[in-house]
Amino acid sequence: MKNVCPHLETIQVRATDQTGCEECLKMGDSWVHLRLCMACGHVGCCDSSKNKHATKHFHRTKHPLVRSIEPGESWIWCYVDEEIVGEVDG
């Protein structure tokens, strides 16, 4: 049986109204997909985007979990465990 990610206990934020990468918007740049930090609510661009702001946010803050906020996606990624560790309910 697979172990449950211990970082799931750090979830503080499950959703956002933001529709863009915070840093890319400030830079006037574009992104591919968006990720929500589940510790603080930061919205950053994915690793397919040239700026990779979600991963940079992890390296800066050590907040372990992000979720996709793309339509139809609810998976949660753990940067520490380097795998999908669950889905957002509802």
Protein backbone atom coordinates (compact mmCIF):
# COMPACT_ATOMS: atom_id res chain seq x y z
CA MET A 1 0.00 0.00 0.00
CA LYS A 2 1.25 3.46 -0.93
CA ASN A 3 2.23 5.82 1.89
CA VAL A 4 0.17 8.96 2.34
CA CYS A 5 2.16 12.15 1.73
CA PRO A 6 2.79 13.79 5.11
CA HIS A 7 2.76 17.21 3.45
CA LEU A 8 -1.01 16.98 2.84
CA GLU A 9 -1.34 18.20 6.43
CA THR A 10 0.14 21.56 5.35
CA ILE A 11 -2.79 22.48 3.06
CA GLN A 12 -4.19 25.91 3.91
CA VAL A 13 -5.53 27.00 0.50
CA ARG A 14 -7.62 24.90 -1.88
CA ALA A 15 -8.92 27.42 -4.43
CA THR A 16 -8.30 30.90 -5.85
CA ASP A 17 -10.03 33.51 -7.98
CA GLN A 18 -6.74 34.48 -9.64
CA THR A 19 -6.55 33.81 -13.36
CA GLY A 20 -2.88 34.49 -14.08
CA CYS A 21 0.68 33.92 -12.93
CA GLU A 22 1.49 36.68 -10.46
CA GLU A 23 5.09 37.22 -11.65
CA CYS A 24 4.33 36.87 -15.37
CA LEU A 25 1.56 39.46 -15.09
CA LYS A 26 4.02 41.90 -13.45
CA MET A 27 6.58 41.20 -16.21
CA GLY A 28 4.05 41.40 -19.03
CA ASP A 29 4.92 37.82 -19.99
CA SER A 30 2.82 34.75 -20.79
CA TRP A 31 2.43 31.26 -19.29
CA VAL A 32 1.21 27.80 -20.31
CA HIS A 33 -0.59 26.43 -17.22
CA LEU A 34 -1.18 27.69 -13.68
CA ARG A 35 -0.38 26.14 -10.30
CA LEU A 36 -1.72 27.18 -6.89
CA CYS A 37 0.50 26.96 -3.80
CA MET A 38 -1.63 25.18 -1.24
CA ALA A 39 0.26 26.74 1.67
CA CYS A 40 -0.07 30.46 0.86
CA GLY A 41 -2.23 30.85 -2.26
CA HIS A 42 0.54 32.03 -4.62
CA VAL A 43 -0.37 31.43 -8.28
CA GLY A 44 2.58 30.65 -10.54
CA CYS A 45 3.21 29.21 -13.98
CA CYS A 46 4.07 25.54 -14.55
CA ASP A 47 7.38 24.03 -15.64
CA SER A 48 6.17 23.97 -19.27
CA SER A 49 6.16 27.78 -19.07
CA LYS A 50 9.49 29.48 -19.75
CA ASN A 51 9.59 31.24 -16.36
CA LYS A 52 8.62 28.26 -14.14
CA HIS A 53 7.38 30.58 -11.37
CA ALA A 54 5.55 27.86 -9.39
CA THR A 55 8.77 25.84 -8.98
CA LYS A 56 10.77 29.00 -8.20
CA HIS A 57 8.20 29.77 -5.48
CA PHE A 58 8.79 26.31 -3.98
CA HIS A 59 12.57 26.78 -3.95
CA ARG A 60 12.18 30.21 -2.32
CA THR A 61 9.54 29.25 0.29
CA LYS A 62 9.81 25.45 0.66
CA HIS A 63 5.98 25.23 0.45
CA PRO A 64 5.65 21.59 -0.66
CA LEU A 65 2.28 21.32 -2.42
CA VAL A 66 0.74 22.85 -5.52
CA ARG A 67 -2.42 21.98 -7.35
CA SER A 68 -3.38 22.51 -10.94
CA ILE A 69 -5.97 25.23 -11.39
CA GLU A 70 -6.54 24.34 -15.02
CA PRO A 71 -10.17 23.56 -15.94
CA GLY A 72 -11.01 19.91 -15.31
CA GLU A 73 -7.80 19.21 -13.33
CA SER A 74 -7.70 18.65 -9.57
CA TRP A 75 -4.39 16.85 -8.94
CA ILE A 76 -1.98 17.86 -6.17
CA TRP A 77 1.80 17.73 -6.75
CA CYS A 78 4.34 17.44 -3.93
CA TYR A 79 7.70 19.01 -4.79
CA VAL A 80 9.39 17.19 -1.90
CA ASP A 81 8.14 13.72 -2.88
CA GLU A 82 8.24 14.58 -6.61
CA GLU A 83 4.89 12.95 -7.37
CA ILE A 84 1.14 13.47 -7.55
CA VAL A 85 -0.10 12.86 -4.03
CA GLY A 86 -3.85 13.30 -4.35
CA GLU A 87 -6.70 15.37 -5.71
CA VAL A 88 -8.66 18.32 -4.43
CA ASP A 89 -12.14 17.37 -3.25
CA GLY A 90 -15.13 19.17 -4.69
